Amino acid sequence: MKKKTIKALLFIGLLVLNTAVKAQSTTAAQDDVAKAKEWISTLSLNDSAKENRLTQVVATHLTTIKDWHNNHPASTVPAGINPLDGKSLSELHRQIIADSAIPTTVHESLMSGLRKDLTEEQVALVLDKYTIGKVAFTMKGYQSIVPNMTATETAEIQKLMEKAREQAVDYKSMKEISAIFEIYKTQAEQYLNNHGRNWHQMYGDYTKKIKAEKEAAAKK
């Protein structure tokens, strides 16, 4: 095969590949817009101008987070140890480190864009969409595990979970989002231990209770 023919085939191949990549990117961006539009529609704002602005803010964030994640795989972070416990960094840890290096302006643009048109309660509803309602789900878990949870305990742990939610929206995968929540759950459990509770004992009692209930139900 002549060199000119080979070059021509390579050129055509590159064009086809480039077209496919662009088409895939366009489809992904369209998916982000559709998801953003769906989330904003649940707020029932009845204001098309606001809805369009907010849809663009959310879609831009989704796409930016996805692009950063895809362009900064875990392999870009050298293998090493976690200085807090000396254990080797897992692939998930390395991916979180890579994703956490995204410019802070990305998060700031999301939050300022939401707050321009929404109340704090409505902003929280949008963040819940990003994190599939993990704040409410986690709080329900704590209220089941901690006997007679006080209003003060509830408020403090709620604050921690809300911090987790806002930080987690800058990560692409649910594994990463769950890992961010684990950071704040650890802080919540430390808070309980520091204020007269025994988290290990409470959790152990709760698991025994659930096991007993399952065994009782199975016998019926």
N, C-alpha and C. Protein backbone atom coordinates (compact mmCIF):
# COMPACT_ATOMS: atom_id res chain seq x y z
N MET A 1 0.85 -1.20 0.00
CA MET A 1 0.00 0.00 0.00
C MET A 1 0.88 1.25 0.00
N LYS A 2 0.56 2.19 -0.86
CA LYS A 2 1.36 3.39 -0.98
C LYS A 2 1.24 4.26 0.26
N LYS A 3 2.33 5.02 0.51
CA LYS A 3 2.38 5.88 1.69
C LYS A 3 1.24 6.90 1.67
N LYS A 4 0.94 7.45 0.48
CA LYS A 4 -0.13 8.45 0.38
C LYS A 4 -1.47 7.86 0.78
N THR A 5 -1.69 6.60 0.37
CA THR A 5 -2.95 5.92 0.69
C THR A 5 -3.05 5.69 2.20
N ILE A 6 -1.93 5.27 2.82
CA ILE A 6 -1.91 5.03 4.27
C ILE A 6 -2.20 6.32 5.03
N LYS A 7 -1.55 7.41 4.61
CA LYS A 7 -1.78 8.71 5.25
C LYS A 7 -3.23 9.15 5.12
N ALA A 8 -3.80 8.89 3.93
CA ALA A 8 -5.18 9.29 3.70
C ALA A 8 -6.13 8.51 4.61
N LEU A 9 -5.85 7.21 4.76
CA LEU A 9 -6.67 6.37 5.62
C LEU A 9 -6.55 6.78 7.08
N LEU A 10 -5.33 7.11 7.48
CA LEU A 10 -5.11 7.57 8.86
C LEU A 10 -5.85 8.88 9.11
N PHE A 11 -5.79 9.76 8.13
CA PHE A 11 -6.47 11.06 8.25
C PHE A 11 -7.98 10.87 8.38
N ILE A 12 -8.52 9.99 7.53
CA ILE A 12 -9.96 9.70 7.58
C ILE A 12 -10.34 9.09 8.93
N GLY A 13 -9.47 8.18 9.41
CA GLY A 13 -9.71 7.55 10.71
C GLY A 13 -9.76 8.55 11.83
N LEU A 14 -8.83 9.52 11.81
CA LEU A 14 -8.80 10.56 12.83
C LEU A 14 -10.04 11.44 12.77
N LEU A 15 -10.47 11.74 11.54
CA LEU A 15 -11.67 12.56 11.37
C LEU A 15 -12.89 11.85 11.96
N VAL A 16 -13.00 10.54 11.68
CA VAL A 16 -14.13 9.75 12.18
C VAL A 16 -14.11 9.71 13.71
N LEU A 17 -12.90 9.49 14.27
CA LEU A 17 -12.75 9.43 15.72
C LEU A 17 -13.10 10.76 16.37
N ASN A 18 -12.61 11.84 15.77
CA ASN A 18 -12.88 13.18 16.29
C ASN A 18 -14.37 13.50 16.26
N THR A 19 -15.02 13.09 15.18
CA THR A 19 -16.46 13.32 15.04
C THR A 19 -17.23 12.54 16.11
N ALA A 20 -16.78 11.29 16.36
CA ALA A 20 -17.45 10.45 17.35
C ALA A 20 -17.30 11.03 18.75
N VAL A 21 -16.10 11.53 19.05
CA VAL A 21 -15.83 12.13 20.37
C VAL A 21 -16.69 13.37 20.57
N LYS A 22 -16.75 14.21 19.52
CA LYS A 22 -17.57 15.42 19.61
C LYS A 22 -19.04 15.08 19.80
N ALA A 23 -19.50 14.05 19.08
CA ALA A 23 -20.91 13.64 19.19
C ALA A 23 -21.20 13.13 20.60
N GLN A 24 -20.26 12.36 21.15
CA GLN A 24 -20.42 11.84 22.50
C GLN A 24 -20.46 12.97 23.51
N SER A 25 -19.58 13.95 23.32
CA SER A 25 -19.52 15.10 24.22
C SER A 25 -20.81 15.91 24.17
N THR A 26 -21.33 16.09 22.95
CA THR A 26 -22.58 16.83 22.77
C THR A 26 -23.74 16.12 23.44
N THR A 27 -23.79 14.80 23.29
CA THR A 27 -24.85 14.00 23.91
C THR A 27 -24.78 14.11 25.43
N ALA A 28 -23.56 14.04 25.99
CA ALA A 28 -23.38 14.13 27.43
C ALA A 28 -23.84 15.49 27.95
N ALA A 29 -23.50 16.54 27.22
CA ALA A 29 -23.92 17.89 27.61
C ALA A 29 -25.43 18.03 27.55
N GLN A 30 -26.05 17.43 26.54
CA GLN A 30 -27.50 17.47 26.43
C GLN A 30 -28.16 16.73 27.59
N ASP A 31 -27.53 15.62 28.00
CA ASP A 31 -28.04 14.86 29.15
C ASP A 31 -27.98 15.70 30.41
N ASP A 32 -26.90 16.47 30.57
CA ASP A 32 -26.76 17.32 31.75
C ASP A 32 -27.83 18.41 31.77
N VAL A 33 -28.13 18.97 30.61
CA VAL A 33 -29.17 19.99 30.51
C VAL A 33 -30.53 19.38 30.86
N ALA A 34 -30.79 18.19 30.36
CA ALA A 34 -32.06 17.53 30.64
C ALA A 34 -32.21 17.23 32.14
N LYS A 35 -31.12 16.77 32.75
CA LYS A 35 -31.15 16.48 34.18
C LYS A 35 -31.35 17.76 34.98
N ALA A 36 -30.63 18.81 34.61
CA ALA A 36 -30.75 20.09 35.30
C ALA A 36 -32.18 20.63 35.18
N LYS A 37 -32.74 20.53 33.99
CA LYS A 37 -34.10 21.03 33.76
C LYS A 37 -35.10 20.27 34.62
N GLU A 38 -34.92 18.96 34.73
CA GLU A 38 -35.81 18.14 35.55
C GLU A 38 -35.72 18.55 37.02
N TRP A 39 -34.49 18.74 37.51
CA TRP A 39 -34.31 19.11 38.92
C TRP A 39 -34.96 20.47 39.22
N ILE A 40 -34.71 21.44 38.35
CA ILE A 40 -35.24 22.78 38.58
C ILE A 40 -36.76 22.80 38.48
N SER A 41 -37.30 21.96 37.63
CA SER A 41 -38.76 21.93 37.46
C SER A 41 -39.47 21.50 38.74
N THR A 42 -38.79 20.72 39.59
CA THR A 42 -39.42 20.24 40.83
C THR A 42 -39.63 21.38 41.83
N LEU A 43 -38.99 22.52 41.60
CA LEU A 43 -39.14 23.66 42.50
C LEU A 43 -40.41 24.44 42.23
N SER A 44 -41.03 24.19 41.07
CA SER A 44 -42.29 24.87 40.70
C SER A 44 -42.17 26.39 40.84
N LEU A 45 -41.19 26.96 40.20
CA LEU A 45 -40.94 28.41 40.30
C LEU A 45 -41.95 29.24 39.51
N ASN A 46 -42.48 28.65 38.45
CA ASN A 46 -43.44 29.38 37.59
C ASN A 46 -42.84 30.69 37.06
N ASP A 47 -41.57 30.61 36.72
CA ASP A 47 -40.87 31.78 36.18
C ASP A 47 -39.85 31.25 35.18
N SER A 48 -40.18 31.33 33.90
CA SER A 48 -39.34 30.72 32.86
C SER A 48 -37.94 31.31 32.81
N ALA A 49 -37.82 32.62 33.06
CA ALA A 49 -36.50 33.25 33.03
C ALA A 49 -35.60 32.67 34.13
N LYS A 50 -36.16 32.57 35.34
CA LYS A 50 -35.39 31.98 36.45
C LYS A 50 -35.03 30.53 36.16
N GLU A 51 -36.02 29.78 35.67
CA GLU A 51 -35.81 28.37 35.38
C GLU A 51 -34.71 28.17 34.35
N ASN A 52 -34.69 29.01 33.32
CA ASN A 52 -33.66 28.90 32.29
C ASN A 52 -32.28 29.22 32.85
N ARG A 53 -32.19 30.28 33.68
CA ARG A 53 -30.91 30.64 34.28
C ARG A 53 -30.40 29.51 35.18
N LEU A 54 -31.29 29.00 36.01
CA LEU A 54 -30.90 27.96 36.96
C LEU A 54 -30.54 26.66 36.27
N THR A 55 -31.27 26.34 35.22
CA THR A 55 -30.95 25.14 34.44
C THR A 55 -29.55 25.24 33.87
N GLN A 56 -29.20 26.42 33.36
CA GLN A 56 -27.87 26.62 32.80
C GLN A 56 -26.79 26.51 33.88
N VAL A 57 -27.07 27.08 35.07
CA VAL A 57 -26.10 27.01 36.18
C VAL A 57 -25.83 25.57 36.57
N VAL A 58 -26.90 24.80 36.75
CA VAL A 58 -26.77 23.41 37.18
C VAL A 58 -26.14 22.55 36.09
N ALA A 59 -26.56 22.72 34.86
CA ALA A 59 -26.02 21.94 33.75
C ALA A 59 -24.53 22.22 33.56
N THR A 60 -24.15 23.48 33.67
CA THR A 60 -22.74 23.85 33.54
C THR A 60 -21.91 23.17 34.63
N HIS A 61 -22.45 23.16 35.84
CA HIS A 61 -21.72 22.51 36.93
C HIS A 61 -21.57 21.01 36.69
N LEU A 62 -22.65 20.37 36.29
CA LEU A 62 -22.61 18.93 36.02
C LEU A 62 -21.57 18.60 34.96
N THR A 63 -21.58 19.36 33.88
CA THR A 63 -20.64 19.12 32.78
C THR A 63 -19.20 19.40 33.20
N THR A 64 -18.99 20.49 33.93
CA THR A 64 -17.64 20.85 34.37
C THR A 64 -17.07 19.80 35.30
N ILE A 65 -17.88 19.31 36.24
CA ILE A 65 -17.44 18.27 37.17
C ILE A 65 -17.10 16.99 36.42
N LYS A 66 -17.95 16.63 35.49
CA LYS A 66 -17.74 15.41 34.70
C LYS A 66 -16.46 15.51 33.86
N ASP A 67 -16.27 16.65 33.20
CA ASP A 67 -15.08 16.83 32.35
C ASP A 67 -13.81 16.80 33.19
N TRP A 68 -13.83 17.48 34.34
CA TRP A 68 -12.64 17.47 35.21
C TRP A 68 -12.33 16.04 35.66
N HIS A 69 -13.36 15.32 36.08
CA HIS A 69 -13.19 13.94 36.54
C HIS A 69 -12.60 13.06 35.43
N ASN A 70 -13.16 13.17 34.24
CA ASN A 70 -12.69 12.35 33.12
C ASN A 70 -11.27 12.69 32.69
N ASN A 71 -10.88 13.95 32.86
CA ASN A 71 -9.54 14.37 32.45
C ASN A 71 -8.50 14.26 33.57
N HIS A 72 -8.94 13.88 34.77
CA HIS A 72 -8.03 13.74 35.90
C HIS A 72 -8.28 12.41 36.61
N PRO A 73 -7.93 11.30 35.96
CA PRO A 73 -8.15 9.99 36.57
C PRO A 73 -7.27 9.78 37.81
N ALA A 74 -7.58 8.73 38.56
CA ALA A 74 -6.83 8.42 39.78
C ALA A 74 -5.34 8.25 39.50
N SER A 75 -5.01 7.80 38.31
CA SER A 75 -3.61 7.55 37.95
C SER A 75 -2.76 8.82 37.93
N THR A 76 -3.42 9.99 37.91
CA THR A 76 -2.65 11.24 37.92
C THR A 76 -2.12 11.56 39.32
N VAL A 77 -2.62 10.84 40.33
CA VAL A 77 -2.15 11.02 41.71
C VAL A 77 -1.21 9.88 42.05
N PRO A 78 0.04 10.16 42.42
CA PRO A 78 1.00 9.09 42.73
C PRO A 78 0.51 8.22 43.88
N ALA A 79 0.86 6.94 43.81
CA ALA A 79 0.54 6.03 44.91
C ALA A 79 1.30 6.47 46.15
N GLY A 80 0.70 6.28 47.30
CA GLY A 80 1.36 6.69 48.54
C GLY A 80 0.52 6.26 49.72
N ILE A 81 0.73 6.90 50.85
CA ILE A 81 -0.02 6.54 52.05
C ILE A 81 -0.86 7.72 52.53
N ASN A 82 -1.91 7.38 53.25
CA ASN A 82 -2.72 8.38 53.92
C ASN A 82 -1.98 8.78 55.19
N PRO A 83 -1.56 10.04 55.32
CA PRO A 83 -0.78 10.45 56.49
C PRO A 83 -1.55 10.36 57.80
N LEU A 84 -2.88 10.22 57.73
CA LEU A 84 -3.67 10.12 58.96
C LEU A 84 -3.63 8.74 59.59
N ASP A 85 -3.52 7.70 58.74
CA ASP A 85 -3.51 6.34 59.30
C ASP A 85 -2.38 5.46 58.77
N GLY A 86 -1.59 5.97 57.82
CA GLY A 86 -0.45 5.21 57.32
C GLY A 86 -0.80 4.13 56.32
N LYS A 87 -2.09 3.99 55.99
CA LYS A 87 -2.50 2.97 55.03
C LYS A 87 -2.31 3.47 53.60
N SER A 88 -2.13 2.53 52.69
CA SER A 88 -1.94 2.89 51.29
C SER A 88 -3.20 3.57 50.74
N LEU A 89 -2.98 4.57 49.91
CA LEU A 89 -4.12 5.23 49.27
C LEU A 89 -4.80 4.26 48.32
N SER A 90 -6.12 4.14 48.43
CA SER A 90 -6.87 3.31 47.50
C SER A 90 -7.08 4.08 46.20
N GLU A 91 -7.58 3.41 45.19
CA GLU A 91 -7.87 4.10 43.92
C GLU A 91 -8.94 5.17 44.15
N LEU A 92 -9.90 4.87 45.02
CA LEU A 92 -10.95 5.85 45.32
C LEU A 92 -10.35 7.08 46.00
N HIS A 93 -9.44 6.87 46.95
CA HIS A 93 -8.78 7.99 47.61
C HIS A 93 -8.04 8.86 46.59
N ARG A 94 -7.34 8.20 45.69
CA ARG A 94 -6.55 8.94 44.69
C ARG A 94 -7.47 9.72 43.75
N GLN A 95 -8.64 9.13 43.42
CA GLN A 95 -9.58 9.83 42.55
C GLN A 95 -10.17 11.04 43.26
N ILE A 96 -10.46 10.89 44.55
CA ILE A 96 -10.99 12.02 45.32
C ILE A 96 -9.96 13.14 45.39
N ILE A 97 -8.70 12.79 45.58
CA ILE A 97 -7.64 13.80 45.61
C ILE A 97 -7.57 14.53 44.28
N ALA A 98 -7.64 13.77 43.18
CA ALA A 98 -7.58 14.37 41.84
C ALA A 98 -8.76 15.29 41.61
N ASP A 99 -9.95 14.85 42.00
CA ASP A 99 -11.15 15.65 41.78
C ASP A 99 -11.22 16.86 42.70
N SER A 100 -10.62 16.74 43.89
CA SER A 100 -10.67 17.85 44.85
C SER A 100 -9.79 19.02 44.42
N ALA A 101 -8.94 18.79 43.43
CA ALA A 101 -8.06 19.85 42.94
C ALA A 101 -8.75 20.78 41.94
N ILE A 102 -10.03 20.53 41.67
CA ILE A 102 -10.76 21.39 40.74
C ILE A 102 -10.79 22.82 41.29
N PRO A 103 -10.67 23.82 40.46
CA PRO A 103 -10.68 25.21 40.95
C PRO A 103 -11.89 25.53 41.81
N THR A 104 -11.69 26.25 42.89
CA THR A 104 -12.78 26.59 43.80
C THR A 104 -13.84 27.46 43.13
N THR A 105 -13.45 28.12 42.05
CA THR A 105 -14.40 28.98 41.33
C THR A 105 -15.56 28.18 40.75
N VAL A 106 -15.34 26.89 40.50
CA VAL A 106 -16.41 26.05 39.95
C VAL A 106 -17.53 25.92 40.99
N HIS A 107 -17.16 25.65 42.22
CA HIS A 107 -18.16 25.53 43.29
C HIS A 107 -18.80 26.89 43.57
N GLU A 108 -17.99 27.92 43.60
CA GLU A 108 -18.51 29.26 43.87
C GLU A 108 -19.51 29.70 42.82
N SER A 109 -19.26 29.34 41.57
CA SER A 109 -20.19 29.71 40.49
C SER A 109 -21.53 29.01 40.66
N LEU A 110 -21.47 27.74 41.06
CA LEU A 110 -22.72 27.01 41.30
C LEU A 110 -23.52 27.66 42.41
N MET A 111 -22.88 27.89 43.55
CA MET A 111 -23.62 28.39 44.72
C MET A 111 -24.13 29.81 44.50
N SER A 112 -23.31 30.66 43.92
CA SER A 112 -23.76 32.04 43.68
C SER A 112 -24.87 32.06 42.64
N GLY A 113 -24.78 31.17 41.64
CA GLY A 113 -25.81 31.10 40.62
C GLY A 113 -27.14 30.64 41.18
N LEU A 114 -27.10 29.68 42.09
CA LEU A 114 -28.33 29.20 42.72
C LEU A 114 -28.92 30.27 43.63
N ARG A 115 -28.05 30.88 44.44
CA ARG A 115 -28.54 31.86 45.43
C ARG A 115 -29.04 33.15 44.80
N LYS A 116 -28.69 33.37 43.56
CA LYS A 116 -29.18 34.57 42.87
C LYS A 116 -30.69 34.51 42.69
N ASP A 117 -31.22 33.32 42.50
CA ASP A 117 -32.64 33.18 42.20
C ASP A 117 -33.42 32.34 43.21
N LEU A 118 -32.74 31.73 44.19
CA LEU A 118 -33.42 30.82 45.11
C LEU A 118 -33.22 31.19 46.57
N THR A 119 -34.13 30.76 47.40
CA THR A 119 -33.95 30.88 48.85
C THR A 119 -32.99 29.76 49.30
N GLU A 120 -32.51 29.84 50.53
CA GLU A 120 -31.61 28.81 51.04
C GLU A 120 -32.30 27.45 51.07
N GLU A 121 -33.58 27.44 51.37
CA GLU A 121 -34.33 26.19 51.40
C GLU A 121 -34.40 25.57 50.00
N GLN A 122 -34.58 26.40 49.00
CA GLN A 122 -34.64 25.90 47.62
C GLN A 122 -33.26 25.46 47.14
N VAL A 123 -32.23 26.17 47.56
CA VAL A 123 -30.86 25.76 47.22
C VAL A 123 -30.61 24.37 47.78
N ALA A 124 -31.04 24.14 49.02
CA ALA A 124 -30.85 22.84 49.66
C ALA A 124 -31.55 21.73 48.87
N LEU A 125 -32.71 22.04 48.33
CA LEU A 125 -33.45 21.05 47.54
C LEU A 125 -32.68 20.66 46.28
N VAL A 126 -32.03 21.64 45.66
CA VAL A 126 -31.22 21.35 44.46
C VAL A 126 -30.01 20.50 44.84
N LEU A 127 -29.33 20.85 45.93
CA LEU A 127 -28.17 20.09 46.38
C LEU A 127 -28.57 18.66 46.75
N ASP A 128 -29.79 18.51 47.25
CA ASP A 128 -30.30 17.17 47.56
C ASP A 128 -30.41 16.32 46.30
N LYS A 129 -30.74 16.97 45.18
CA LYS A 129 -30.83 16.24 43.92
C LYS A 129 -29.47 15.69 43.51
N TYR A 130 -28.43 16.51 43.68
CA TYR A 130 -27.07 16.07 43.37
C TYR A 130 -26.69 14.85 44.19
N THR A 131 -27.09 14.85 45.45
CA THR A 131 -26.61 13.84 46.40
C THR A 131 -27.69 12.82 46.78
N ILE A 132 -28.70 12.70 45.95
CA ILE A 132 -29.81 11.75 46.10
C ILE A 132 -30.36 11.69 47.54
N GLY A 133 -30.53 12.84 48.15
CA GLY A 133 -31.18 12.91 49.45
C GLY A 133 -30.42 12.30 50.60
N LYS A 134 -29.09 12.33 50.52
CA LYS A 134 -28.28 11.68 51.55
C LYS A 134 -28.38 12.35 52.92
N VAL A 135 -28.66 13.64 52.96
CA VAL A 135 -28.76 14.31 54.27
C VAL A 135 -29.91 13.72 55.06
N ALA A 136 -31.10 13.69 54.48
CA ALA A 136 -32.28 13.16 55.17
C ALA A 136 -32.10 11.69 55.51
N PHE A 137 -31.54 10.92 54.57
CA PHE A 137 -31.34 9.49 54.79
C PHE A 137 -30.38 9.24 55.95
N THR A 138 -29.29 10.01 56.00
CA THR A 138 -28.30 9.83 57.06
C THR A 138 -28.85 10.28 58.40
N MET A 139 -29.58 11.38 58.42
CA MET A 139 -30.17 11.86 59.67
C MET A 139 -31.16 10.83 60.22
N LYS A 140 -31.92 10.22 59.36
CA LYS A 140 -32.87 9.19 59.79
C LYS A 140 -32.13 8.04 60.45
N GLY A 141 -30.96 7.70 59.90
CA GLY A 141 -30.15 6.64 60.48
C GLY A 141 -29.67 6.99 61.88
N TYR A 142 -29.18 8.22 62.04
CA TYR A 142 -28.71 8.65 63.36
C TYR A 142 -29.86 8.66 64.38
N GLN A 143 -31.02 9.11 63.95
CA GLN A 143 -32.17 9.17 64.86
C GLN A 143 -32.64 7.78 65.28
N SER A 144 -32.37 6.79 64.43
CA SER A 144 -32.72 5.41 64.78
C SER A 144 -31.69 4.79 65.73
N ILE A 145 -30.43 5.19 65.57
CA ILE A 145 -29.35 4.59 66.35
C ILE A 145 -29.17 5.25 67.71
N VAL A 146 -29.30 6.57 67.76
CA VAL A 146 -29.04 7.32 69.00
C VAL A 146 -30.33 7.41 69.83
N PRO A 147 -30.36 6.80 71.00
CA PRO A 147 -31.58 6.85 71.83
C PRO A 147 -31.88 8.27 72.29
N ASN A 148 -33.15 8.67 72.16
CA ASN A 148 -33.59 9.99 72.64
C ASN A 148 -32.65 11.11 72.19
N MET A 149 -32.40 11.15 70.91
CA MET A 149 -31.50 12.16 70.35
C MET A 149 -32.05 13.55 70.65
N THR A 150 -31.21 14.41 71.22
CA THR A 150 -31.67 15.74 71.65
C THR A 150 -31.73 16.70 70.48
N ALA A 151 -32.41 17.82 70.70
CA ALA A 151 -32.50 18.85 69.67
C ALA A 151 -31.12 19.41 69.35
N THR A 152 -30.28 19.56 70.37
CA THR A 152 -28.93 20.08 70.15
C THR A 152 -28.10 19.11 69.33
N GLU A 153 -28.18 17.83 69.67
CA GLU A 153 -27.44 16.81 68.90
C GLU A 153 -27.92 16.78 67.46
N THR A 154 -29.22 16.85 67.29
CA THR A 154 -29.79 16.83 65.94
C THR A 154 -29.31 18.02 65.13
N ALA A 155 -29.31 19.19 65.73
CA ALA A 155 -28.89 20.41 65.03
C ALA A 155 -27.41 20.34 64.63
N GLU A 156 -26.57 19.88 65.54
CA GLU A 156 -25.13 19.80 65.25
C GLU A 156 -24.83 18.81 64.14
N ILE A 157 -25.47 17.66 64.19
CA ILE A 157 -25.23 16.64 63.17
C ILE A 157 -25.83 17.06 61.84
N GLN A 158 -26.97 17.73 61.88
CA GLN A 158 -27.58 18.27 60.65
C GLN A 158 -26.62 19.23 59.95
N LYS A 159 -25.97 20.10 60.73
CA LYS A 159 -25.00 21.04 60.15
C LYS A 159 -23.87 20.30 59.45
N LEU A 160 -23.38 19.24 60.08
CA LEU A 160 -22.29 18.47 59.49
C LEU A 160 -22.73 17.80 58.19
N MET A 161 -23.93 17.25 58.19
CA MET A 161 -24.42 16.58 56.98
C MET A 161 -24.66 17.59 55.84
N GLU A 162 -25.07 18.79 56.20
CA GLU A 162 -25.27 19.83 55.18
C GLU A 162 -23.93 20.27 54.60
N LYS A 163 -22.89 20.31 55.44
CA LYS A 163 -21.55 20.61 54.93
C LYS A 163 -21.09 19.51 53.97
N ALA A 164 -21.37 18.27 54.36
CA ALA A 164 -21.01 17.14 53.50
C ALA A 164 -21.70 17.25 52.15
N ARG A 165 -22.99 17.59 52.19
CA ARG A 165 -23.77 17.71 50.94
C ARG A 165 -23.19 18.77 50.02
N GLU A 166 -22.87 19.93 50.58
CA GLU A 166 -22.35 21.00 49.72
C GLU A 166 -20.99 20.64 49.14
N GLN A 167 -20.16 19.98 49.91
CA GLN A 167 -18.85 19.58 49.39
C GLN A 167 -18.98 18.47 48.36
N ALA A 168 -19.92 17.56 48.59
CA ALA A 168 -20.06 16.38 47.74
C ALA A 168 -20.52 16.70 46.33
N VAL A 169 -21.17 17.86 46.12
CA VAL A 169 -21.68 18.17 44.78
C VAL A 169 -20.56 18.41 43.77
N ASP A 170 -19.33 18.52 44.25
CA ASP A 170 -18.20 18.73 43.34
C ASP A 170 -17.54 17.43 42.92
N TYR A 171 -18.20 16.30 43.17
CA TYR A 171 -17.64 15.00 42.80
C TYR A 171 -18.60 14.26 41.89
N LYS A 172 -18.07 13.48 40.99
CA LYS A 172 -18.90 12.88 39.94
C LYS A 172 -19.61 11.60 40.36
N SER A 173 -18.88 10.66 40.95
CA SER A 173 -19.46 9.34 41.21
C SER A 173 -20.11 9.25 42.58
N MET A 174 -21.07 8.34 42.72
CA MET A 174 -21.73 8.14 44.00
C MET A 174 -20.76 7.57 45.02
N LYS A 175 -19.76 6.81 44.59
CA LYS A 175 -18.76 6.31 45.54
C LYS A 175 -18.01 7.46 46.18
N GLU A 176 -17.67 8.46 45.38
CA GLU A 176 -16.98 9.63 45.92
C GLU A 176 -17.89 10.43 46.84
N ILE A 177 -19.14 10.61 46.42
CA ILE A 177 -20.09 11.36 47.23
C ILE A 177 -20.28 10.68 48.59
N SER A 178 -20.40 9.36 48.57
CA SER A 178 -20.56 8.61 49.82
C SER A 178 -19.31 8.75 50.69
N ALA A 179 -18.14 8.76 50.07
CA ALA A 179 -16.89 8.91 50.82
C ALA A 179 -16.80 10.28 51.49
N ILE A 180 -17.28 11.31 50.81
CA ILE A 180 -17.30 12.65 51.42
C ILE A 180 -18.22 12.66 52.64
N PHE A 181 -19.37 12.03 52.51
CA PHE A 181 -20.29 11.95 53.65
C PHE A 181 -19.67 11.18 54.81
N GLU A 182 -18.86 10.17 54.51
CA GLU A 182 -18.22 9.39 55.57
C GLU A 182 -17.29 10.27 56.41
N ILE A 183 -16.65 11.23 55.78
CA ILE A 183 -15.77 12.16 56.51
C ILE A 183 -16.56 12.88 57.59
N TYR A 184 -17.72 13.36 57.22
CA TYR A 184 -18.54 14.14 58.15
C TYR A 184 -19.30 13.26 59.13
N LYS A 185 -19.60 12.03 58.72
CA LYS A 185 -20.21 11.08 59.65
C LYS A 185 -19.23 10.74 60.77
N THR A 186 -17.96 10.61 60.42
CA THR A 186 -16.94 10.38 61.45
C THR A 186 -16.90 11.54 62.43
N GLN A 187 -16.99 12.76 61.92
CA GLN A 187 -17.01 13.94 62.79
C GLN A 187 -18.25 13.94 63.68
N ALA A 188 -19.38 13.50 63.13
CA ALA A 188 -20.62 13.45 63.91
C ALA A 188 -20.50 12.45 65.05
N GLU A 189 -19.89 11.32 64.75
CA GLU A 189 -19.73 10.30 65.78
C GLU A 189 -18.73 10.74 66.85
N GLN A 190 -17.71 11.47 66.45
CA GLN A 190 -16.77 12.03 67.41
C GLN A 190 -17.47 13.06 68.30
N TYR A 191 -18.34 13.85 67.69
CA TYR A 191 -19.12 14.84 68.45
C TYR A 191 -19.95 14.14 69.52
N LEU A 192 -20.63 13.06 69.15
CA LEU A 192 -21.46 12.33 70.11
C LEU A 192 -20.60 11.77 71.24
N ASN A 193 -19.45 11.19 70.90
CA ASN A 193 -18.55 10.64 71.92
C ASN A 193 -18.05 11.72 72.87
N ASN A 194 -17.80 12.90 72.31
CA ASN A 194 -17.28 14.01 73.13
C ASN A 194 -18.34 14.66 74.01
N HIS A 195 -19.61 14.29 73.79
CA HIS A 195 -20.70 14.90 74.55
C HIS A 195 -21.52 13.84 75.30
N GLY A 196 -20.81 12.88 75.85
CA GLY A 196 -21.45 11.93 76.76
C GLY A 196 -22.05 10.69 76.15
N ARG A 197 -21.94 10.51 74.84
CA ARG A 197 -22.47 9.32 74.19
C ARG A 197 -21.34 8.32 73.92
N ASN A 198 -21.73 7.08 73.66
CA ASN A 198 -20.78 6.04 73.28
C ASN A 198 -21.24 5.48 71.95
N TRP A 199 -20.68 6.01 70.86
CA TRP A 199 -21.14 5.62 69.53
C TRP A 199 -21.01 4.13 69.28
N HIS A 200 -19.88 3.56 69.66
CA HIS A 200 -19.65 2.13 69.43
C HIS A 200 -20.73 1.30 70.13
N GLN A 201 -21.06 1.65 71.35
CA GLN A 201 -22.07 0.92 72.11
C GLN A 201 -23.45 1.11 71.49
N MET A 202 -23.79 2.33 71.12
CA MET A 202 -25.10 2.60 70.53
C MET A 202 -25.28 1.85 69.22
N TYR A 203 -24.25 1.85 68.39
CA TYR A 203 -24.33 1.18 67.10
C TYR A 203 -24.45 -0.33 67.29
N GLY A 204 -23.70 -0.84 68.27
CA GLY A 204 -23.77 -2.27 68.56
C GLY A 204 -25.15 -2.67 69.04
N ASP A 205 -25.73 -1.87 69.92
CA ASP A 205 -27.08 -2.14 70.42
C ASP A 205 -28.11 -2.09 69.30
N TYR A 206 -27.94 -1.14 68.40
CA TYR A 206 -28.87 -0.98 67.28
C TYR A 206 -28.82 -2.20 66.35
N THR A 207 -27.63 -2.64 66.01
CA THR A 207 -27.50 -3.79 65.10
C THR A 207 -28.07 -5.06 65.74
N LYS A 208 -27.88 -5.22 67.05
CA LYS A 208 -28.45 -6.38 67.76
C LYS A 208 -29.97 -6.33 67.71
N LYS A 209 -30.52 -5.13 67.89
CA LYS A 209 -31.97 -4.94 67.86
C LYS A 209 -32.53 -5.31 66.49
N ILE A 210 -31.88 -4.82 65.44
CA ILE A 210 -32.35 -5.11 64.07
C ILE A 210 -32.26 -6.60 63.78
N LYS A 211 -31.19 -7.23 64.22
CA LYS A 211 -31.01 -8.67 63.99
C LYS A 211 -32.11 -9.45 64.70
N ALA A 212 -32.41 -9.05 65.94
CA ALA A 212 -33.45 -9.74 66.71
C ALA A 212 -34.81 -9.58 66.05
N GLU A 213 -35.09 -8.38 65.53
CA GLU A 213 -36.36 -8.13 64.87
C GLU A 213 -36.51 -8.97 63.61
N LYS A 214 -35.42 -9.13 62.86
CA LYS A 214 -35.44 -9.94 61.64
C LYS A 214 -35.67 -11.41 61.97
N GLU A 215 -35.00 -11.88 63.02
CA GLU A 215 -35.16 -13.27 63.42
C GLU A 215 -36.59 -13.55 63.90
N ALA A 216 -37.16 -12.58 64.63
CA ALA A 216 -38.54 -12.72 65.12
C ALA A 216 -39.52 -12.74 63.95
N ALA A 217 -39.27 -11.89 62.95
CA ALA A 217 -40.16 -11.83 61.78
C ALA A 217 -40.08 -13.11 60.97
N ALA A 218 -38.89 -13.71 60.90
CA ALA A 218 -38.70 -14.93 60.13
C ALA A 218 -39.43 -16.12 60.76
N LYS A 219 -39.63 -16.09 62.07
CA LYS A 219 -40.29 -17.18 62.77
C LYS A 219 -41.81 -17.15 62.63
N LYS A 220 -42.33 -15.97 62.20
CA LYS A 220 -43.78 -15.85 62.10
C LYS A 220 -44.34 -16.62 60.90
